Protein backbone atom coordinates (compact mmCIF):
# COMPACT_ATOMS: atom_id res chain seq x y z
CA UNK A 1 0.03 -0.09 0.04
CA UNK A 2 0.91 3.84 -0.45
CA UNK A 3 0.51 6.05 2.47
CA UNK A 4 1.09 9.64 2.78
CA UNK A 5 1.59 11.19 6.39
CA UNK A 6 0.14 14.56 7.94
CA UNK A 7 1.78 16.08 10.32
CA UNK A 8 -0.12 18.76 12.85
CA UNK A 9 1.67 18.41 16.00
CA UNK A 10 5.08 20.53 16.82
CA UNK A 11 8.25 18.16 17.89
CA UNK A 12 8.37 18.59 21.06
CA UNK A 13 4.72 20.17 23.04
CA UNK A 14 2.66 16.75 21.36
CA UNK A 15 2.54 13.36 20.49
CA UNK A 16 1.70 13.35 17.41
CA UNK A 17 5.37 13.53 15.85
CA UNK A 18 6.40 10.65 17.99
CA UNK A 19 3.56 8.46 16.73
CA UNK A 20 4.22 9.38 13.35
CA UNK A 21 7.77 7.99 13.35
CA UNK A 22 6.86 5.11 14.65
CA UNK A 23 3.96 4.19 12.03
CA UNK A 24 6.44 5.22 8.96
CA UNK A 25 9.43 3.14 10.52
CA UNK A 26 6.66 -0.08 10.65
CA UNK A 27 4.71 0.82 7.28
CA UNK A 28 8.61 1.17 5.22
CA UNK A 29 9.25 -1.59 7.47
CA UNK A 30 6.29 -3.71 6.15
CA UNK A 31 7.30 -3.10 3.07
CA UNK A 32 4.88 -0.53 1.88
CA UNK A 33 5.43 2.79 0.39
CA UNK A 34 5.31 6.19 2.24
CA UNK A 35 5.05 8.25 -0.78
CA UNK A 36 5.01 11.51 1.37
CA UNK A 37 4.82 13.14 4.53
CA UNK A 38 3.51 16.69 5.04
CA UNK A 39 3.94 18.65 8.22
CA UNK A 40 1.57 21.36 8.74
CA UNK A 41 0.23 24.18 11.40
CA UNK A 42 2.19 23.37 13.87
CA UNK A 43 3.56 20.28 12.93
CA UNK A 44 6.13 22.17 10.72
CA UNK A 45 8.42 22.55 13.65
CA UNK A 46 9.93 19.28 13.53
CA UNK A 47 11.77 20.76 10.04
CA UNK A 48 13.14 23.48 11.94
CA UNK A 49 17.42 23.15 11.98
CA UNK A 50 17.45 24.95 15.50
CA UNK A 51 15.70 21.96 16.90
CA UNK A 52 18.24 21.58 20.03
CA UNK A 53 16.43 19.28 21.79
CA UNK A 54 18.03 18.03 25.51
CA UNK A 55 20.51 15.05 25.67
CA UNK A 56 17.64 12.57 27.60
CA UNK A 57 15.12 13.49 25.05
CA UNK A 58 14.52 12.54 21.55
CA UNK A 59 15.63 14.42 18.79
CA UNK A 60 12.85 13.95 16.39
CA UNK A 61 14.60 15.95 13.57
CA UNK A 62 17.65 13.99 13.65
CA UNK A 63 15.23 10.96 13.18
CA UNK A 64 13.08 12.30 9.75
CA UNK A 65 16.71 13.20 8.71
CA UNK A 66 18.12 9.09 9.17
CA UNK A 67 14.44 8.03 8.10
CA UNK A 68 14.35 10.19 4.95
CA UNK A 69 18.41 9.30 3.96
CA UNK A 70 17.39 6.05 4.46
CA UNK A 71 14.53 5.84 2.33
CA UNK A 72 14.35 8.96 -0.04
CA UNK A 73 11.59 9.60 1.48
CA UNK A 74 9.54 13.64 0.35
CA UNK A 75 8.93 15.23 3.59
CA UNK A 76 7.25 18.43 3.17
CA UNK A 77 6.77 21.65 5.37
CA UNK A 78 3.40 23.42 3.89
CA UNK A 79 4.93 26.66 3.44
CA UNK A 80 2.34 29.40 4.20
CA UNK A 81 2.06 27.77 8.03
CA UNK A 82 6.12 27.83 7.58
CA UNK A 83 6.05 31.34 6.76
CA UNK A 84 3.65 32.33 9.19
CA UNK A 85 5.65 30.68 11.87
CA UNK A 86 9.06 31.46 10.78
CA UNK A 87 10.44 28.96 9.22
CA UNK A 88 12.27 29.83 5.83
CA UNK A 89 14.31 27.78 3.24
CA UNK A 90 17.49 29.71 2.13
CA UNK A 91 15.39 30.85 -1.31
CA UNK A 92 12.10 32.27 0.60
CA UNK A 93 14.50 34.03 3.41
CA UNK A 94 16.26 35.45 0.46
CA UNK A 95 12.77 36.20 -1.37
CA UNK A 96 11.53 37.79 1.76
CA UNK A 97 14.14 39.62 2.63
CA UNK A 98 15.03 37.72 6.34
CA UNK A 99 18.53 37.76 8.06
CA UNK A 100 18.47 33.85 8.03
CA UNK A 101 16.98 30.81 6.94
CA UNK A 102 16.24 27.57 9.18
CA UNK A 103 14.54 24.73 7.63
CA UNK A 104 16.38 21.70 8.11
CA UNK A 105 17.99 19.58 5.67
CA UNK A 106 16.17 16.63 3.97
CA UNK A 107 13.12 18.96 3.84
CA UNK A 108 11.52 21.12 1.17
CA UNK A 109 8.21 23.99 1.49
CA UNK A 110 5.69 22.78 -0.72
CA UNK A 111 1.95 24.51 -1.06
CA UNK A 112 -0.96 22.58 -0.57
CA UNK A 113 -1.61 21.15 -3.75
CA UNK A 114 1.11 18.73 -2.56
CA UNK A 115 -0.99 17.28 -0.14
CA UNK A 116 -4.24 17.39 -2.70
CA UNK A 117 -1.51 15.21 -5.61
CA UNK A 118 -0.44 13.30 -1.95
CA UNK A 119 -4.28 12.18 -0.69
CA UNK A 120 -4.83 11.74 -4.39
CA UNK A 121 -2.16 9.10 -5.68
CA UNK A 122 -2.37 6.95 -1.96
CA UNK A 123 -4.15 4.39 -1.09
CA UNK A 124 -4.25 5.76 2.44
CA UNK A 125 -4.00 9.15 3.97
CA UNK A 126 -2.99 9.47 8.10
CA UNK A 127 -3.16 12.51 10.57
CA UNK A 128 -1.35 12.70 13.81
CA UNK A 129 -2.81 15.61 14.93
CA UNK A 130 -1.54 17.97 17.46
């Protein structure tokens, strides 16, 4: 089966992101396809390169990046939600004349069209709330 995941929760204020990560690993281990992971609303914070969790907490960013590299995953951050919350790629920071970018490696900014397209081509769209 082909899955798309939508994550609404920030990495350390909601169990949604950690649950989505566990679910993603399980479905890939079971031989399913993970078409896209879409981070929306406060879930965009999962893609912040500035996240620095304490040593005794999970590094969700690092774990998403490792999974992305191992499986060539499509990790998409909603561009509108990201801009509202101050998460920018290099090109968006430049375009908006901001002093820095903070989108983590392995993540990309895109619009809701990417979510709609993923829902259309996936067998299942699973959401993880905030």
